[in-house]
N, C-alpha and C. Protein backbone atom coordinates (compact mmCIF):
# COMPACT_ATOMS: atom_id res chain seq x y z
N MET A 1 -138.21 105.68 -47.97
CA MET A 1 -136.87 104.52 -48.70
C MET A 1 -136.05 104.16 -47.61
N PRO A 2 -136.30 102.80 -48.47
CA PRO A 2 -135.43 101.55 -47.67
C PRO A 2 -133.92 101.86 -47.78
N LYS A 3 -133.25 102.02 -46.24
CA LYS A 3 -132.01 101.58 -46.16
C LYS A 3 -130.70 100.89 -47.32
N VAL A 4 -129.82 101.18 -48.35
CA VAL A 4 -129.14 100.37 -49.30
C VAL A 4 -127.73 99.66 -48.90
N GLN A 5 -128.10 98.68 -48.24
CA GLN A 5 -126.54 98.23 -47.92
C GLN A 5 -125.35 97.92 -48.91
N ILE A 6 -124.01 98.67 -48.77
CA ILE A 6 -123.25 98.43 -49.89
C ILE A 6 -122.42 97.55 -48.86
N PHE A 7 -121.82 96.38 -49.47
CA PHE A 7 -120.85 95.28 -49.18
C PHE A 7 -119.75 95.16 -50.23
N ARG A 8 -118.41 95.05 -49.46
CA ARG A 8 -117.51 94.66 -49.82
C ARG A 8 -116.57 93.42 -50.12
N ARG A 9 -116.00 93.20 -51.66
CA ARG A 9 -115.98 91.37 -51.97
C ARG A 9 -114.29 91.81 -51.32
N GLN A 10 -113.95 91.04 -49.33
CA GLN A 10 -112.28 91.01 -49.44
C GLN A 10 -111.77 90.84 -50.12
N THR A 11 -110.49 90.91 -51.51
CA THR A 11 -110.22 89.97 -51.48
C THR A 11 -108.74 89.21 -50.15
N PRO A 12 -109.03 86.95 -50.47
CA PRO A 12 -108.30 87.04 -49.76
C PRO A 12 -106.62 87.04 -49.22
N ALA A 13 -106.14 86.56 -49.41
CA ALA A 13 -104.87 87.07 -48.04
C ALA A 13 -103.80 86.52 -49.04
N THR A 14 -102.90 86.32 -49.12
CA THR A 14 -101.63 85.52 -50.55
C THR A 14 -100.19 85.66 -49.60
N SER A 15 -100.90 85.82 -48.30
CA SER A 15 -99.12 86.30 -48.11
C SER A 15 -99.29 86.60 -46.43
N VAL A 16 -98.14 86.72 -45.75
CA VAL A 16 -97.86 87.39 -44.57
C VAL A 16 -96.54 87.65 -43.93
N ASP A 17 -96.62 89.03 -43.25
CA ASP A 17 -95.28 89.77 -43.16
C ASP A 17 -94.90 88.95 -41.89
N VAL A 18 -93.52 89.12 -41.80
CA VAL A 18 -92.56 88.70 -40.45
C VAL A 18 -91.68 89.68 -40.50
N THR A 19 -92.03 90.31 -39.36
CA THR A 19 -90.53 91.01 -39.39
C THR A 19 -89.57 90.68 -37.64
N ILE A 20 -87.90 90.25 -38.22
CA ILE A 20 -87.57 89.35 -37.35
C ILE A 20 -86.34 91.09 -36.77
N GLY A 21 -86.54 90.85 -35.45
CA GLY A 21 -85.94 91.85 -34.45
C GLY A 21 -84.87 91.63 -34.11
N SER A 22 -83.72 93.04 -33.80
CA SER A 22 -82.13 92.63 -33.61
C SER A 22 -81.67 91.72 -32.94
N THR A 23 -82.16 91.11 -32.77
CA THR A 23 -81.26 90.44 -32.72
C THR A 23 -81.12 88.87 -33.90
N GLY A 24 -82.37 88.82 -35.36
CA GLY A 24 -81.97 88.15 -35.67
C GLY A 24 -82.57 86.36 -36.57
N TYR A 25 -83.28 87.22 -34.84
CA TYR A 25 -83.91 85.55 -34.67
C TYR A 25 -85.58 85.85 -34.84
N ALA A 26 -86.83 85.04 -34.76
CA ALA A 26 -87.98 85.12 -33.98
C ALA A 26 -88.39 83.71 -34.98
N THR A 27 -88.93 84.23 -34.15
CA THR A 27 -90.40 81.87 -34.44
C THR A 27 -91.51 82.18 -34.88
N LEU A 28 -91.98 81.42 -36.29
CA LEU A 28 -93.33 81.26 -36.58
C LEU A 28 -94.30 80.67 -36.34
N TYR A 29 -95.02 79.74 -36.54
CA TYR A 29 -96.52 78.84 -36.89
C TYR A 29 -97.52 78.98 -37.06
N TYR A 30 -97.96 78.43 -38.27
CA TYR A 30 -99.97 79.14 -38.99
C TYR A 30 -100.10 76.82 -39.17
N SER A 31 -101.71 77.02 -38.44
CA SER A 31 -101.28 75.23 -38.60
C SER A 31 -102.36 74.91 -39.90
N ASN A 32 -102.68 76.16 -41.74
CA ASN A 32 -103.57 75.77 -41.95
C ASN A 32 -102.55 76.60 -43.09
N LYS A 33 -101.65 76.76 -43.07
CA LYS A 33 -100.78 77.50 -44.11
C LYS A 33 -99.02 77.18 -44.48
N ASN A 34 -98.70 76.83 -45.83
CA ASN A 34 -97.72 76.70 -46.38
C ASN A 34 -96.94 78.16 -46.62
N LEU A 35 -96.44 77.89 -46.26
CA LEU A 35 -95.33 79.00 -46.49
C LEU A 35 -94.25 79.40 -47.00
N LYS A 36 -93.93 79.83 -48.40
CA LYS A 36 -92.85 79.89 -48.38
C LYS A 36 -91.34 80.41 -48.16
N ILE A 37 -90.35 80.67 -47.53
CA ILE A 37 -89.44 80.92 -46.99
C ILE A 37 -88.57 81.98 -48.04
N PRO A 38 -88.95 83.61 -48.32
CA PRO A 38 -88.34 84.54 -48.79
C PRO A 38 -86.33 84.41 -48.94
N SER A 39 -86.61 84.74 -49.87
CA SER A 39 -84.87 84.98 -50.56
C SER A 39 -83.88 85.67 -48.79
N GLY A 40 -83.96 84.84 -48.15
CA GLY A 40 -82.74 85.73 -46.77
C GLY A 40 -83.26 85.71 -45.24
N VAL A 41 -83.42 84.82 -46.08
CA VAL A 41 -84.37 84.04 -44.13
C VAL A 41 -83.81 82.53 -44.38
N THR A 42 -84.12 81.83 -42.92
CA THR A 42 -83.61 80.54 -42.89
C THR A 42 -84.73 79.49 -41.85
N ALA A 43 -85.69 78.98 -42.04
CA ALA A 43 -86.21 77.96 -41.27
C ALA A 43 -84.86 76.97 -40.56
N TYR A 44 -85.58 77.32 -39.68
CA TYR A 44 -85.79 75.74 -38.82
C TYR A 44 -86.14 74.72 -37.38
N THR A 45 -86.75 74.24 -37.84
CA THR A 45 -87.13 72.70 -36.93
C THR A 45 -86.03 72.18 -35.37
N CYS A 46 -86.28 72.19 -34.37
CA CYS A 46 -85.18 71.96 -33.17
C CYS A 46 -85.65 71.10 -32.85
N LYS A 47 -84.08 70.10 -32.12
CA LYS A 47 -85.78 69.28 -31.22
C LYS A 47 -83.70 69.68 -30.10
N THR A 48 -83.75 68.98 -28.48
CA THR A 48 -82.49 68.55 -27.99
C THR A 48 -82.34 67.72 -27.72
N ASN A 49 -80.65 67.87 -28.15
CA ASN A 49 -80.16 66.92 -27.65
C ASN A 49 -79.47 67.58 -25.99
N ASP A 50 -80.26 66.52 -25.50
CA ASP A 50 -80.02 66.64 -23.67
C ASP A 50 -79.06 66.36 -22.93
N GLY A 51 -77.78 65.15 -24.13
CA GLY A 51 -76.93 65.51 -23.52
C GLY A 51 -76.10 66.82 -22.85
N LYS A 52 -75.73 67.90 -23.76
CA LYS A 52 -75.50 68.88 -24.45
C LYS A 52 -76.16 70.40 -23.67
N LYS A 53 -77.45 69.49 -24.07
CA LYS A 53 -78.46 71.01 -23.18
C LYS A 53 -78.71 71.91 -24.04
N THR A 54 -78.41 71.50 -25.36
CA THR A 54 -77.96 72.52 -26.77
C THR A 54 -79.37 71.71 -27.62
N ILE A 55 -79.66 72.80 -28.47
CA ILE A 55 -80.55 71.71 -29.88
C ILE A 55 -79.59 72.05 -31.25
N ASP A 56 -79.93 70.92 -31.23
CA ASP A 56 -80.47 70.08 -32.49
C ASP A 56 -81.10 71.29 -33.12
N THR A 57 -80.42 71.67 -34.28
CA THR A 57 -81.65 72.41 -36.40
C THR A 57 -81.22 71.70 -37.40
N ARG A 58 -82.57 71.42 -38.39
CA ARG A 58 -82.51 71.22 -39.54
C ARG A 58 -83.13 72.53 -39.99
N SER A 59 -83.21 72.43 -41.25
CA SER A 59 -83.41 73.63 -42.08
C SER A 59 -84.75 73.04 -43.24
N TYR A 60 -85.82 74.25 -43.19
CA TYR A 60 -86.38 73.67 -44.71
C TYR A 60 -85.98 74.57 -45.29
N THR A 61 -85.81 74.08 -46.32
CA THR A 61 -84.89 74.58 -48.72
C THR A 61 -85.72 75.80 -48.86
N SER A 62 -87.36 75.28 -49.47
CA SER A 62 -87.93 76.22 -50.25
C SER A 62 -89.12 76.04 -49.05
N VAL A 63 -90.19 75.79 -48.98
CA VAL A 63 -90.93 75.94 -48.08
C VAL A 63 -91.45 75.44 -46.50
N ILE A 64 -92.19 75.96 -46.09
CA ILE A 64 -92.93 75.63 -44.44
C ILE A 64 -93.72 75.14 -44.51
N PRO A 65 -93.79 73.32 -43.47
CA PRO A 65 -95.44 73.29 -44.43
C PRO A 65 -96.50 72.99 -43.38
N SER A 66 -97.02 73.30 -43.63
CA SER A 66 -98.33 74.03 -42.47
C SER A 66 -98.60 73.56 -41.24
N GLY A 67 -99.01 73.29 -40.26
CA GLY A 67 -98.73 72.83 -38.65
C GLY A 67 -96.55 72.06 -38.42
N SER A 68 -96.24 73.23 -39.41
CA SER A 68 -95.06 73.45 -38.77
C SER A 68 -94.65 74.78 -37.74
N ALA A 69 -94.16 74.98 -36.36
CA ALA A 69 -93.07 76.02 -36.50
C ALA A 69 -92.33 75.59 -36.15
N VAL A 70 -91.46 76.58 -36.27
CA VAL A 70 -90.17 77.15 -36.73
C VAL A 70 -89.61 78.01 -36.12
N VAL A 71 -87.85 78.03 -35.90
CA VAL A 71 -86.78 79.64 -35.90
C VAL A 71 -86.40 79.79 -37.41
N LEU A 72 -86.73 81.51 -36.90
CA LEU A 72 -86.94 82.22 -38.98
C LEU A 72 -85.62 83.41 -38.47
N LYS A 73 -84.32 82.75 -38.59
CA LYS A 73 -82.70 84.08 -39.32
C LYS A 73 -82.93 84.05 -39.71
N ALA A 74 -82.13 85.61 -40.12
CA ALA A 74 -82.39 86.17 -41.62
C ALA A 74 -81.46 87.87 -40.65
N ASN A 75 -80.73 88.38 -41.44
CA ASN A 75 -81.05 89.82 -41.06
C ASN A 75 -82.44 91.06 -40.59
N PRO A 76 -82.12 91.44 -39.39
CA PRO A 76 -83.06 92.90 -39.35
C PRO A 76 -84.88 92.62 -40.05
N GLY A 77 -85.46 92.72 -39.87
CA GLY A 77 -86.54 93.59 -41.59
C GLY A 77 -87.72 92.56 -40.73
N THR A 78 -88.10 93.29 -42.48
CA THR A 78 -89.47 92.60 -42.22
C THR A 78 -89.60 92.16 -43.48
N TYR A 79 -90.36 90.96 -43.81
CA TYR A 79 -89.80 89.82 -45.16
C TYR A 79 -91.55 89.02 -44.92
N THR A 80 -92.08 89.41 -46.51
CA THR A 80 -93.11 88.70 -46.77
C THR A 80 -93.18 86.89 -46.83
N PHE A 81 -94.11 86.60 -46.48
CA PHE A 81 -94.41 84.72 -46.82
C PHE A 81 -95.16 84.39 -48.06
N GLN A 82 -95.38 84.05 -48.69
CA GLN A 82 -96.53 83.98 -49.90
C GLN A 82 -97.48 82.80 -49.32
N PHE A 83 -98.07 82.29 -49.84
CA PHE A 83 -98.92 80.95 -49.17
C PHE A 83 -98.61 80.43 -49.98
N ALA A 84 -98.28 79.08 -50.30
CA ALA A 84 -97.83 78.25 -50.85
C ALA A 84 -99.18 76.80 -51.59
N ALA A 85 -99.37 76.29 -51.98
CA ALA A 85 -100.76 75.02 -52.53
C ALA A 85 -100.15 73.96 -51.85
N THR A 86 -99.15 74.08 -51.81
CA THR A 86 -98.83 72.22 -51.02
C THR A 86 -96.70 72.93 -50.28
N GLY A 87 -96.98 72.24 -48.52
CA GLY A 87 -95.29 72.36 -48.45
C GLY A 87 -94.88 70.74 -47.74
N GLY A 88 -95.42 69.91 -48.85
CA GLY A 88 -95.20 68.77 -47.50
C GLY A 88 -95.29 68.01 -46.43
N THR A 89 -94.88 67.04 -45.38
CA THR A 89 -95.05 67.01 -44.18
C THR A 89 -93.88 67.68 -43.64
N PRO A 90 -94.89 67.51 -42.38
CA PRO A 90 -93.72 68.27 -41.31
C PRO A 90 -93.51 67.11 -40.86
N ALA A 91 -91.36 67.43 -40.00
CA ALA A 91 -90.50 67.37 -39.20
C ALA A 91 -91.09 66.25 -38.37
N ALA A 92 -91.02 65.11 -38.65
CA ALA A 92 -91.88 64.11 -37.33
C ALA A 92 -90.70 64.88 -36.14
N ASP A 93 -89.42 64.75 -35.80
CA ASP A 93 -88.02 64.99 -35.06
C ASP A 93 -88.85 66.14 -33.99
N ASN A 94 -88.92 67.76 -34.46
CA ASN A 94 -89.90 68.79 -34.13
C ASN A 94 -90.24 68.66 -32.73
N MET A 95 -89.12 69.15 -31.84
CA MET A 95 -90.42 69.28 -30.94
C MET A 95 -90.86 71.23 -30.12
N LEU A 96 -90.98 70.90 -31.50
CA LEU A 96 -91.05 73.12 -31.56
C LEU A 96 -92.99 72.75 -32.17
N CYS A 97 -93.28 74.17 -31.48
CA CYS A 97 -94.61 73.80 -31.07
C CYS A 97 -95.60 75.67 -30.78
N GLY A 98 -96.82 75.34 -31.77
CA GLY A 98 -97.48 77.03 -32.10
C GLY A 98 -98.65 76.93 -31.83
N THR A 99 -99.28 78.62 -31.77
CA THR A 99 -100.24 78.63 -31.69
C THR A 99 -101.19 79.57 -32.49
N ASP A 100 -102.11 79.41 -33.10
CA ASP A 100 -102.49 80.54 -34.15
C ASP A 100 -102.76 82.18 -33.22
N LYS A 101 -103.05 81.52 -32.44
CA LYS A 101 -103.77 82.90 -31.23
C LYS A 101 -103.10 82.75 -29.95
N VAL A 102 -102.95 83.87 -29.28
CA VAL A 102 -102.49 83.90 -27.78
C VAL A 102 -103.12 82.89 -27.32
N ALA A 103 -102.24 81.77 -26.38
CA ALA A 103 -103.02 80.79 -26.18
C ALA A 103 -101.91 80.14 -25.27
N ALA A 104 -102.18 79.85 -24.03
CA ALA A 104 -101.05 78.79 -22.81
C ALA A 104 -100.62 77.48 -24.24
N PRO A 105 -99.81 77.00 -23.83
CA PRO A 105 -99.29 75.86 -24.69
C PRO A 105 -99.56 75.11 -24.69
N VAL A 106 -99.37 73.80 -25.30
CA VAL A 106 -100.17 73.42 -25.03
C VAL A 106 -99.46 71.56 -24.82
N ALA A 107 -98.98 71.30 -24.15
CA ALA A 107 -98.76 69.12 -25.04
C ALA A 107 -98.29 68.38 -25.80
N PRO A 108 -97.35 68.13 -26.31
CA PRO A 108 -97.76 67.24 -27.45
C PRO A 108 -97.73 65.69 -27.46
N GLY A 109 -98.55 65.27 -26.69
CA GLY A 109 -98.30 64.07 -26.24
C GLY A 109 -98.58 64.04 -25.14
N ASP A 110 -98.57 63.01 -24.57
CA ASP A 110 -98.94 62.43 -23.14
C ASP A 110 -97.87 62.24 -22.26
N GLY A 111 -98.41 62.20 -20.92
CA GLY A 111 -97.23 62.77 -20.15
C GLY A 111 -97.12 64.49 -19.81
N GLU A 112 -96.41 64.98 -18.80
CA GLU A 112 -96.01 66.45 -18.54
C GLU A 112 -94.15 66.71 -18.96
N TYR A 113 -95.26 68.12 -19.79
CA TYR A 113 -93.75 67.99 -21.24
C TYR A 113 -93.34 69.67 -19.81
N THR A 114 -92.35 70.49 -20.47
CA THR A 114 -91.53 71.18 -19.54
C THR A 114 -91.36 72.72 -20.43
N PHE A 115 -91.71 74.18 -20.85
CA PHE A 115 -91.74 74.79 -22.07
C PHE A 115 -91.30 75.80 -21.55
N TYR A 116 -90.50 76.29 -23.24
CA TYR A 116 -89.51 77.16 -23.16
C TYR A 116 -89.80 77.85 -24.18
N LYS A 117 -89.62 79.37 -23.92
CA LYS A 117 -89.75 80.41 -25.12
C LYS A 117 -88.29 80.98 -26.34
N LEU A 118 -88.19 80.87 -27.06
CA LEU A 118 -86.85 81.28 -27.19
C LEU A 118 -86.59 83.01 -26.69
N ALA A 119 -85.70 83.65 -26.28
CA ALA A 119 -85.61 85.21 -25.87
C ALA A 119 -84.40 84.99 -25.69
N ASP A 120 -83.51 86.82 -25.92
CA ASP A 120 -82.60 87.16 -25.37
C ASP A 120 -82.08 87.67 -24.08
N GLY A 121 -82.20 86.54 -23.19
CA GLY A 121 -82.18 86.49 -21.71
C GLY A 121 -81.31 87.41 -21.04
N GLU A 122 -81.04 87.03 -19.90
CA GLU A 122 -79.67 87.54 -19.26
C GLU A 122 -78.21 86.63 -19.77
N ASN A 123 -78.42 85.32 -20.17
CA ASN A 123 -76.99 84.40 -20.36
C ASN A 123 -78.15 84.64 -22.80
N GLY A 124 -77.91 85.46 -22.94
CA GLY A 124 -78.14 85.03 -24.75
C GLY A 124 -79.10 84.70 -25.04
N LEU A 125 -79.27 84.66 -26.01
CA LEU A 125 -79.78 83.75 -26.77
C LEU A 125 -79.86 83.11 -26.92
N ARG A 126 -80.95 82.21 -25.92
CA ARG A 126 -81.02 80.96 -25.42
C ARG A 126 -82.76 80.45 -25.55
N PHE A 127 -83.69 79.00 -25.07
CA PHE A 127 -84.78 78.74 -25.37
C PHE A 127 -85.40 78.41 -23.26
N TYR A 128 -86.18 79.57 -23.02
CA TYR A 128 -85.63 79.70 -21.44
C TYR A 128 -86.61 79.98 -21.02
N LYS A 129 -86.78 78.36 -20.05
CA LYS A 129 -88.36 77.72 -19.47
C LYS A 129 -89.29 78.40 -18.58
N VAL A 130 -90.31 78.98 -19.55
CA VAL A 130 -91.96 79.86 -18.77
C VAL A 130 -92.46 78.82 -18.16
N GLU A 131 -93.03 80.40 -16.91
CA GLU A 131 -93.96 80.02 -15.84
C GLU A 131 -95.41 79.67 -15.49
N ASN A 132 -95.69 78.54 -14.55
CA ASN A 132 -97.05 79.61 -15.07
C ASN A 132 -97.64 80.41 -15.34
N GLY A 133 -99.03 80.49 -16.25
CA GLY A 133 -99.26 82.04 -16.06
C GLY A 133 -99.10 82.41 -18.09
N PHE A 134 -98.17 81.48 -18.21
CA PHE A 134 -97.34 82.39 -20.05
C PHE A 134 -98.24 81.82 -21.17
N LYS A 135 -97.73 83.42 -21.63
CA LYS A 135 -98.98 82.39 -22.54
C LYS A 135 -98.38 82.70 -24.30
N ASN A 136 -98.50 81.99 -25.20
CA ASN A 136 -97.95 81.95 -26.70
C ASN A 136 -98.60 83.39 -27.42
N GLY A 137 -98.18 83.93 -28.25
CA GLY A 137 -98.67 83.96 -28.72
C GLY A 137 -98.82 84.17 -30.16
N ALA A 138 -99.19 84.89 -30.65
CA ALA A 138 -99.95 84.44 -32.22
C ALA A 138 -99.44 84.57 -33.35
N HIS A 139 -99.22 82.69 -34.19
CA HIS A 139 -98.38 81.81 -35.27
C HIS A 139 -97.03 82.21 -34.16
N LYS A 140 -96.74 82.79 -32.88
CA LYS A 140 -95.16 81.78 -32.14
C LYS A 140 -95.38 80.59 -31.65
N ALA A 141 -93.51 80.60 -31.74
CA ALA A 141 -93.73 78.52 -31.66
C ALA A 141 -93.09 78.96 -29.89
N TYR A 142 -93.17 77.68 -29.40
CA TYR A 142 -92.30 77.83 -28.21
C TYR A 142 -91.80 76.03 -28.54
N LEU A 143 -90.71 75.36 -27.80
CA LEU A 143 -90.26 74.44 -27.57
C LEU A 143 -91.02 73.73 -26.12
N ALA A 144 -91.36 72.14 -26.49
CA ALA A 144 -91.45 71.81 -25.92
C ALA A 144 -91.01 70.20 -25.33
N VAL A 145 -90.31 69.97 -24.12
CA VAL A 145 -89.63 68.94 -23.37
C VAL A 145 -90.50 67.83 -22.72
N PRO A 146 -89.91 66.78 -23.08
CA PRO A 146 -90.81 65.93 -21.62
C PRO A 146 -90.20 66.62 -20.19
N ALA A 147 -90.78 66.47 -20.09
CA ALA A 147 -90.18 67.40 -18.40
C ALA A 147 -89.06 66.25 -17.13
N SER A 148 -88.77 64.95 -18.13
CA SER A 148 -88.31 64.12 -17.27
C SER A 148 -86.87 64.03 -17.57
N VAL A 149 -86.95 64.49 -18.86
CA VAL A 149 -85.41 65.29 -19.42
C VAL A 149 -85.00 67.32 -19.50
N ALA A 150 -86.19 67.83 -19.33
CA ALA A 150 -86.03 68.45 -19.16
C ALA A 150 -84.91 69.63 -18.40
N ALA A 151 -84.27 70.68 -19.04
CA ALA A 151 -83.27 71.25 -18.45
C ALA A 151 -83.68 72.49 -17.99
N ASP A 152 -82.78 73.92 -17.37
CA ASP A 152 -83.20 74.42 -16.99
C ASP A 152 -83.38 75.91 -18.38
N SER A 153 -82.81 75.37 -18.86
CA SER A 153 -82.56 76.55 -20.72
C SER A 153 -81.42 75.32 -21.91
N TYR A 154 -81.51 76.09 -22.57
CA TYR A 154 -81.17 75.33 -23.77
C TYR A 154 -80.44 75.98 -24.80
N SER A 155 -78.88 77.13 -24.75
CA SER A 155 -78.58 77.35 -25.90
C SER A 155 -79.00 76.87 -27.24
N PHE A 156 -79.15 78.02 -28.14
CA PHE A 156 -79.21 78.10 -29.62
C PHE A 156 -78.08 77.96 -30.30
N GLU A 157 -77.54 76.58 -30.92
CA GLU A 157 -75.94 77.27 -31.13
C GLU A 157 -76.55 77.17 -32.41
N LEU A 158 -75.83 78.14 -33.72
CA LEU A 158 -75.99 78.41 -34.72
C LEU A 158 -75.99 77.52 -35.72
N PRO A 159 -76.26 77.11 -36.34
CA PRO A 159 -76.10 76.21 -37.51
C PRO A 159 -75.77 76.58 -38.06
N ASP A 160 -75.41 74.63 -39.27
CA ASP A 160 -74.38 74.06 -39.29
C ASP A 160 -74.14 75.27 -40.74
N GLY A 161 -73.12 75.64 -40.85
CA GLY A 161 -72.91 76.66 -42.84
C GLY A 161 -71.84 78.08 -41.84
N ILE A 162 -71.34 77.91 -40.66
CA ILE A 162 -70.47 79.17 -40.17
C ILE A 162 -69.58 78.34 -40.88
N GLU A 163 -68.19 79.37 -40.98
CA GLU A 163 -67.48 78.48 -42.11
C GLU A 163 -66.06 78.84 -40.66
N ASP A 164 -64.76 78.26 -41.01
CA ASP A 164 -63.72 78.21 -40.20
C ASP A 164 -63.51 79.51 -39.45
N ILE A 165 -62.58 79.84 -38.03
CA ILE A 165 -62.79 80.60 -37.71
C ILE A 165 -61.65 81.76 -38.33
N THR A 166 -61.72 82.76 -38.47
CA THR A 166 -60.71 83.77 -38.83
C THR A 166 -60.15 84.95 -37.91
N VAL A 167 -59.15 85.13 -37.56
CA VAL A 167 -58.60 86.15 -36.85
C VAL A 167 -57.92 86.90 -37.45
N ASN A 168 -58.85 88.21 -36.44
CA ASN A 168 -58.70 89.41 -36.76
C ASN A 168 -59.01 90.04 -38.02
N PRO A 169 -60.31 89.63 -39.38
CA PRO A 169 -60.10 90.45 -40.24
C PRO A 169 -61.02 91.30 -40.71
N ALA A 170 -60.38 92.06 -41.43
CA ALA A 170 -60.70 93.59 -42.20
C ALA A 170 -62.20 93.74 -41.78
N LEU A 171 -62.91 95.05 -41.23
CA LEU A 171 -64.21 94.65 -41.14
C LEU A 171 -64.55 95.67 -41.76
N GLU A 172 -63.80 97.24 -42.23
CA GLU A 172 -64.64 97.17 -42.70
C GLU A 172 -65.93 97.62 -43.78
N GLY A 173 -67.33 97.84 -43.72
CA GLY A 173 -67.76 97.69 -44.79
C GLY A 173 -68.50 96.71 -44.53
N ALA A 174 -68.55 95.72 -43.00
CA ALA A 174 -68.79 94.23 -43.30
C ALA A 174 -70.14 94.04 -41.69
N THR A 175 -70.84 93.21 -41.34
CA THR A 175 -72.75 93.44 -41.21
C THR A 175 -71.73 92.56 -39.66
N VAL A 176 -71.33 92.56 -38.96
CA VAL A 176 -71.13 91.59 -38.20
C VAL A 176 -71.76 91.58 -36.39
N TYR A 177 -72.36 90.45 -36.45
CA TYR A 177 -72.83 89.95 -34.70
C TYR A 177 -72.93 89.42 -33.70
N THR A 178 -73.21 89.07 -32.57
CA THR A 178 -72.55 88.48 -30.88
C THR A 178 -72.85 87.39 -32.08
N LEU A 179 -72.51 85.95 -31.34
CA LEU A 179 -73.34 84.58 -31.38
C LEU A 179 -74.48 84.49 -31.25
N SER A 180 -75.09 85.82 -30.49
CA SER A 180 -76.46 86.05 -29.61
C SER A 180 -77.19 86.21 -30.53
N GLY A 181 -76.50 87.00 -31.67
CA GLY A 181 -77.15 87.02 -32.64
C GLY A 181 -77.63 89.02 -32.24
N VAL A 182 -76.78 89.35 -32.03
CA VAL A 182 -77.12 91.09 -32.16
C VAL A 182 -76.38 92.09 -32.78
N ARG A 183 -76.56 92.73 -33.61
CA ARG A 183 -75.81 93.52 -34.78
C ARG A 183 -74.47 94.39 -33.75
N MET A 184 -73.64 94.40 -34.05
CA MET A 184 -72.72 94.99 -33.57
C MET A 184 -71.84 96.37 -34.41
N ASN A 185 -71.48 97.40 -33.75
CA ASN A 185 -70.64 98.61 -33.91
C ASN A 185 -69.00 98.10 -34.37
N THR A 186 -69.07 98.14 -35.95
CA THR A 186 -67.77 97.21 -36.30
C THR A 186 -66.76 98.63 -35.33
N ASN A 187 -66.14 100.37 -35.10
CA ASN A 187 -66.02 100.58 -35.45
C ASN A 187 -65.37 100.22 -33.52
N LYS A 188 -66.47 100.11 -32.21
CA LYS A 188 -66.07 100.02 -31.04
C LYS A 188 -66.19 97.97 -30.55
N LEU A 189 -65.86 97.10 -31.51
CA LEU A 189 -66.01 96.05 -31.12
C LEU A 189 -64.35 95.61 -30.13
N PRO A 190 -65.29 95.10 -28.88
CA PRO A 190 -64.33 94.96 -27.24
C PRO A 190 -63.65 93.57 -28.12
N ALA A 191 -62.23 92.33 -27.82
CA ALA A 191 -62.23 91.39 -28.00
C ALA A 191 -63.29 90.31 -28.21
N GLY A 192 -63.29 89.36 -28.41
CA GLY A 192 -64.28 87.95 -28.42
C GLY A 192 -64.53 87.29 -29.43
N ILE A 193 -66.01 86.08 -30.32
CA ILE A 193 -65.26 85.86 -30.59
C ILE A 193 -67.43 86.41 -31.65
N TYR A 194 -67.33 86.74 -32.38
CA TYR A 194 -68.19 87.32 -33.82
C TYR A 194 -68.62 86.06 -35.00
N ILE A 195 -70.37 86.76 -36.08
CA ILE A 195 -69.84 86.09 -37.00
C ILE A 195 -70.10 87.87 -37.74
N VAL A 196 -69.02 87.30 -38.14
CA VAL A 196 -68.82 88.63 -40.06
C VAL A 196 -69.18 87.51 -41.25
N ASN A 197 -70.09 88.28 -41.98
CA ASN A 197 -70.79 88.31 -42.64
C ASN A 197 -70.99 86.56 -43.13
N GLY A 198 -71.24 85.54 -42.09
CA GLY A 198 -71.74 84.89 -42.17
C GLY A 198 -70.98 83.66 -41.76
N LYS A 199 -69.84 84.44 -41.33
CA LYS A 199 -67.94 83.86 -40.90
C LYS A 199 -68.09 84.03 -39.60
N LYS A 200 -67.07 83.04 -39.09
CA LYS A 200 -67.06 83.75 -37.32
C LYS A 200 -65.40 83.50 -37.44
N VAL A 201 -65.37 84.66 -36.43
CA VAL A 201 -63.91 85.25 -36.09
C VAL A 201 -63.75 85.80 -34.81
N VAL A 202 -61.90 85.74 -34.49
CA VAL A 202 -62.04 86.06 -33.33
C VAL A 202 -61.50 87.35 -33.51
N ILE A 203 -61.99 87.99 -32.89
CA ILE A 203 -60.94 89.22 -32.22
C ILE A 203 -60.30 90.60 -31.17
N LYS A 204 -58.71 89.58 -31.82
CA LYS A 204 -58.38 89.89 -30.28
C LYS A 204 -57.75 91.75 -29.79
C-alpha cells in the first residue's frame, strides 16, 4: 500500500511579539514588515548629536515603517506588534540600522563606520561601541556612526515628554525608574533623580 502524506497548511503570521526587559528599552528591526505600535510602547529613531555625544530622538506615532530600525520604550513586558499594510517612509536621518538574522553590522554608506549597541553597561544605559566580531541579533538594531566623528559611547537621553522636576513627591503606589531605565523599590530609594509615573523627580 502506498504511503499517504498529509500536508497541513500553515497560517501566515499576522504579528510578532517583542519582550522588553527590566531596563524598559529594547531595539527592533524588520526589513519587510510594517509594524503597528501597541498601546504603552513608543518607538524612536536615533541620530547622534556630535557636539554633546548624546542621541537625538524622534518618535513614530502609530506604525514603524518596514526597513526602519528603532529603539522601543515601555514598561517591562511582552507586546504584540500587528503587521500593517502600509507604513510610510522611514526617517531619512535615522542612524539606526538592523538585521533580520544574526549577522555582523553593515555600514549604511561609503566610508568607515563605528558601530554601537544599546546596553545597560557600567555607565548606565548608553550606546556602547562594539568590538570586532560583534554579531547583531535577529530583528535587532544597532547604531552606525561615521568613524571620523564617532565618540567612545553615546548617552541615550530620555525623550521629550518628561515634565518639570518635582522634589520629594508622594511615592505610594508609584512606578519609579532610574534615568537609565531600571525599576526601583519605592521603599528604599537613595537620594537622586528618578522618573516617577513619567515625571522627573528629585529625592532628597
